[in-house]
């Protein structure tokens, strides 16, 4: 390394191992649905849901009875 520095090349040896990532200090937003009827379904369910429950649907539409059963919800 000294020879390279003498020739005008500036090198430094460093440790390239990845550093551990810091853990998140917040727990995130744990918002619960308000209990009002859903903007897409236009009915209430038990447990309550809102428009965020439809985020996986490509075309937003009311849940079918089969989908409600799969999600563990029933119409109120």
N, C-alpha and C. Protein backbone atom coordinates (compact mmCIF):
# COMPACT_ATOMS: atom_id res chain seq x y z
N UNK A 1 0.82 -1.18 0.00
CA UNK A 1 0.00 0.00 0.00
C UNK A 1 0.88 1.25 0.00
N UNK A 2 1.98 1.22 0.70
CA UNK A 2 2.88 2.37 0.74
C UNK A 2 3.46 2.66 -0.64
N UNK A 3 3.70 1.59 -1.41
CA UNK A 3 4.23 1.77 -2.76
C UNK A 3 3.21 2.48 -3.65
N UNK A 4 1.92 2.11 -3.51
CA UNK A 4 0.89 2.77 -4.30
C UNK A 4 0.76 4.24 -3.92
N UNK A 5 0.83 4.54 -2.62
CA UNK A 5 0.76 5.92 -2.18
C UNK A 5 1.95 6.72 -2.71
N UNK A 6 3.12 6.09 -2.78
CA UNK A 6 4.31 6.78 -3.28
C UNK A 6 4.15 7.09 -4.78
N UNK A 7 3.42 6.27 -5.49
CA UNK A 7 3.20 6.50 -6.91
C UNK A 7 2.07 7.49 -7.17
N UNK A 8 1.41 7.97 -6.12
CA UNK A 8 0.35 8.95 -6.28
C UNK A 8 -1.06 8.37 -6.18
N UNK A 9 -1.15 7.08 -5.95
CA UNK A 9 -2.47 6.46 -5.76
C UNK A 9 -2.82 6.50 -4.28
N UNK A 10 -3.94 7.08 -3.95
CA UNK A 10 -4.35 7.18 -2.54
C UNK A 10 -5.35 6.07 -2.24
N UNK A 11 -4.95 5.10 -1.45
CA UNK A 11 -5.79 3.98 -1.07
C UNK A 11 -5.90 3.90 0.44
N UNK A 12 -7.03 3.43 0.88
CA UNK A 12 -7.23 3.14 2.30
C UNK A 12 -7.96 1.82 2.39
N UNK A 13 -7.54 0.96 3.28
CA UNK A 13 -8.20 -0.32 3.48
C UNK A 13 -9.35 -0.12 4.46
N UNK A 14 -10.51 -0.60 4.06
CA UNK A 14 -11.69 -0.45 4.91
C UNK A 14 -12.39 -1.79 5.05
N UNK A 15 -13.23 -1.89 6.06
CA UNK A 15 -14.02 -3.08 6.30
C UNK A 15 -15.32 -2.96 5.51
N UNK A 16 -15.60 -3.91 4.62
CA UNK A 16 -16.78 -3.84 3.76
C UNK A 16 -17.93 -4.72 4.25
N UNK A 17 -17.86 -5.23 5.47
CA UNK A 17 -18.96 -6.05 5.96
C UNK A 17 -20.16 -5.16 6.25
N UNK A 18 -21.36 -5.64 5.94
CA UNK A 18 -22.55 -4.80 6.15
C UNK A 18 -22.80 -4.56 7.64
N UNK A 19 -23.23 -3.36 7.94
CA UNK A 19 -23.54 -2.98 9.31
C UNK A 19 -24.96 -3.45 9.64
N UNK A 20 -25.22 -3.89 10.86
CA UNK A 20 -26.59 -4.29 11.21
C UNK A 20 -27.52 -3.08 11.19
N UNK A 21 -28.73 -3.30 10.69
CA UNK A 21 -29.70 -2.21 10.60
C UNK A 21 -30.27 -1.93 11.98
N UNK A 22 -30.55 -0.66 12.23
CA UNK A 22 -31.16 -0.27 13.49
C UNK A 22 -32.62 -0.70 13.51
N UNK A 23 -33.10 -1.11 14.66
CA UNK A 23 -34.50 -1.50 14.78
C UNK A 23 -35.38 -0.26 14.79
N UNK A 24 -36.56 -0.41 14.26
CA UNK A 24 -37.51 0.70 14.23
C UNK A 24 -37.92 1.05 15.66
N UNK A 25 -38.01 2.34 15.94
CA UNK A 25 -38.37 2.76 17.28
C UNK A 25 -39.87 2.93 17.46
N UNK A 26 -40.61 3.01 16.35
CA UNK A 26 -42.05 3.16 16.45
C UNK A 26 -42.72 1.84 16.11
N UNK A 27 -43.90 1.64 16.61
CA UNK A 27 -44.63 0.41 16.36
C UNK A 27 -45.56 0.52 15.17
N UNK A 28 -45.67 1.69 14.58
CA UNK A 28 -46.52 1.88 13.42
C UNK A 28 -47.90 2.33 13.81
N UNK A 29 -48.67 2.64 12.82
CA UNK A 29 -50.02 3.12 13.04
C UNK A 29 -50.96 1.91 13.13
N UNK A 30 -51.56 1.70 14.25
CA UNK A 30 -52.47 0.56 14.47
C UNK A 30 -53.91 1.06 14.48
N UNK A 31 -54.30 1.77 13.43
CA UNK A 31 -55.62 2.37 13.34
C UNK A 31 -56.68 1.30 13.15
N UNK A 32 -57.76 1.43 13.85
CA UNK A 32 -58.88 0.51 13.75
C UNK A 32 -59.99 1.14 12.91
N UNK A 33 -60.77 0.35 12.17
CA UNK A 33 -61.91 0.89 11.43
C UNK A 33 -62.90 1.54 12.40
N UNK A 34 -63.61 2.55 11.93
CA UNK A 34 -64.48 3.34 12.78
C UNK A 34 -65.77 2.63 13.17
N UNK A 35 -66.19 1.63 12.44
CA UNK A 35 -67.45 0.97 12.73
C UNK A 35 -68.57 1.45 11.83
N UNK A 36 -68.31 2.50 11.06
CA UNK A 36 -69.28 2.97 10.07
C UNK A 36 -69.31 2.00 8.90
N UNK A 37 -70.29 2.14 8.03
CA UNK A 37 -70.35 1.25 6.88
C UNK A 37 -69.20 1.54 5.93
N UNK A 38 -68.77 0.52 5.22
CA UNK A 38 -67.67 0.63 4.26
C UNK A 38 -68.12 1.45 3.05
N UNK A 39 -67.21 2.25 2.50
CA UNK A 39 -67.52 3.08 1.34
C UNK A 39 -67.73 2.29 0.06
N UNK A 40 -67.21 1.06 0.01
CA UNK A 40 -67.39 0.23 -1.19
C UNK A 40 -68.57 -0.73 -1.02
N UNK A 41 -68.69 -1.34 0.15
CA UNK A 41 -69.75 -2.34 0.37
C UNK A 41 -71.09 -1.71 0.72
N UNK A 42 -71.07 -0.57 1.38
CA UNK A 42 -72.27 0.11 1.85
C UNK A 42 -73.06 -0.72 2.85
N UNK A 43 -72.34 -1.52 3.65
CA UNK A 43 -72.95 -2.21 4.79
C UNK A 43 -71.89 -2.37 5.87
N UNK A 44 -72.32 -2.62 7.10
CA UNK A 44 -71.42 -2.82 8.22
C UNK A 44 -71.15 -4.32 8.37
N UNK A 45 -69.99 -4.64 8.94
CA UNK A 45 -69.64 -6.03 9.20
C UNK A 45 -69.17 -6.18 10.64
N UNK A 46 -69.17 -7.41 11.10
CA UNK A 46 -68.60 -7.74 12.40
C UNK A 46 -67.48 -8.72 12.11
N UNK A 47 -66.24 -8.45 12.45
CA UNK A 47 -65.68 -7.20 12.94
C UNK A 47 -65.73 -6.12 11.86
N UNK A 48 -65.70 -4.84 12.28
CA UNK A 48 -65.83 -3.75 11.30
C UNK A 48 -64.67 -3.72 10.31
N UNK A 49 -64.96 -3.24 9.10
CA UNK A 49 -63.91 -3.02 8.10
C UNK A 49 -64.23 -1.71 7.38
N UNK A 50 -63.23 -1.19 6.65
CA UNK A 50 -63.42 0.03 5.88
C UNK A 50 -62.76 -0.13 4.52
N UNK A 51 -62.63 0.95 3.78
CA UNK A 51 -62.10 0.88 2.41
C UNK A 51 -60.70 0.27 2.33
N UNK A 52 -59.92 0.40 3.39
CA UNK A 52 -58.56 -0.15 3.37
C UNK A 52 -58.57 -1.67 3.23
N UNK A 53 -59.66 -2.31 3.62
CA UNK A 53 -59.76 -3.77 3.49
C UNK A 53 -59.83 -4.20 2.03
N UNK A 54 -60.17 -3.30 1.13
CA UNK A 54 -60.32 -3.60 -0.30
C UNK A 54 -59.03 -3.32 -1.08
N UNK A 55 -57.92 -3.03 -0.42
CA UNK A 55 -56.71 -2.60 -1.12
C UNK A 55 -56.13 -3.67 -2.03
N UNK A 56 -56.46 -4.94 -1.80
CA UNK A 56 -55.92 -6.00 -2.67
C UNK A 56 -56.76 -6.23 -3.91
N UNK A 57 -57.95 -5.65 -3.97
CA UNK A 57 -58.81 -5.82 -5.14
C UNK A 57 -58.36 -4.90 -6.26
N UNK A 58 -58.26 -5.44 -7.47
CA UNK A 58 -57.89 -4.59 -8.60
C UNK A 58 -59.02 -3.63 -8.92
N UNK A 59 -60.24 -4.13 -9.04
CA UNK A 59 -61.41 -3.29 -9.23
C UNK A 59 -62.19 -3.31 -7.91
N UNK A 60 -62.33 -2.16 -7.29
CA UNK A 60 -62.96 -2.07 -5.98
C UNK A 60 -64.46 -2.36 -6.10
N UNK A 61 -64.92 -3.31 -5.30
CA UNK A 61 -66.32 -3.72 -5.32
C UNK A 61 -66.67 -4.28 -3.95
N UNK A 62 -67.96 -4.45 -3.67
CA UNK A 62 -68.35 -5.03 -2.38
C UNK A 62 -67.85 -6.46 -2.26
N UNK A 63 -67.56 -6.88 -1.03
CA UNK A 63 -67.17 -8.27 -0.79
C UNK A 63 -68.37 -9.18 -1.01
N UNK A 64 -68.12 -10.36 -1.58
CA UNK A 64 -69.17 -11.36 -1.72
C UNK A 64 -69.31 -12.10 -0.38
N UNK A 65 -70.38 -12.90 -0.25
CA UNK A 65 -70.57 -13.67 0.99
C UNK A 65 -69.40 -14.63 1.22
N UNK A 66 -68.88 -15.22 0.14
CA UNK A 66 -67.75 -16.15 0.26
C UNK A 66 -66.49 -15.41 0.73
N UNK A 67 -66.25 -14.21 0.20
CA UNK A 67 -65.08 -13.43 0.62
C UNK A 67 -65.21 -13.00 2.08
N UNK A 68 -66.42 -12.61 2.49
CA UNK A 68 -66.63 -12.24 3.88
C UNK A 68 -66.34 -13.42 4.81
N UNK A 69 -66.79 -14.61 4.41
CA UNK A 69 -66.54 -15.80 5.23
C UNK A 69 -65.05 -16.08 5.31
N UNK A 70 -64.34 -15.94 4.19
CA UNK A 70 -62.89 -16.17 4.15
C UNK A 70 -62.15 -15.16 5.04
N UNK A 71 -62.65 -13.94 5.10
CA UNK A 71 -62.02 -12.89 5.91
C UNK A 71 -62.47 -12.94 7.37
N UNK A 72 -63.41 -13.82 7.69
CA UNK A 72 -63.89 -13.95 9.05
C UNK A 72 -64.85 -12.84 9.45
N UNK A 73 -65.60 -12.33 8.49
CA UNK A 73 -66.55 -11.25 8.76
C UNK A 73 -67.96 -11.71 8.41
N UNK A 74 -68.93 -11.10 9.08
CA UNK A 74 -70.34 -11.33 8.75
C UNK A 74 -71.03 -9.99 8.65
N UNK A 75 -72.07 -9.91 7.84
CA UNK A 75 -72.82 -8.66 7.73
C UNK A 75 -73.53 -8.38 9.04
N UNK A 76 -73.50 -7.12 9.44
CA UNK A 76 -74.15 -6.72 10.70
C UNK A 76 -75.59 -6.34 10.46
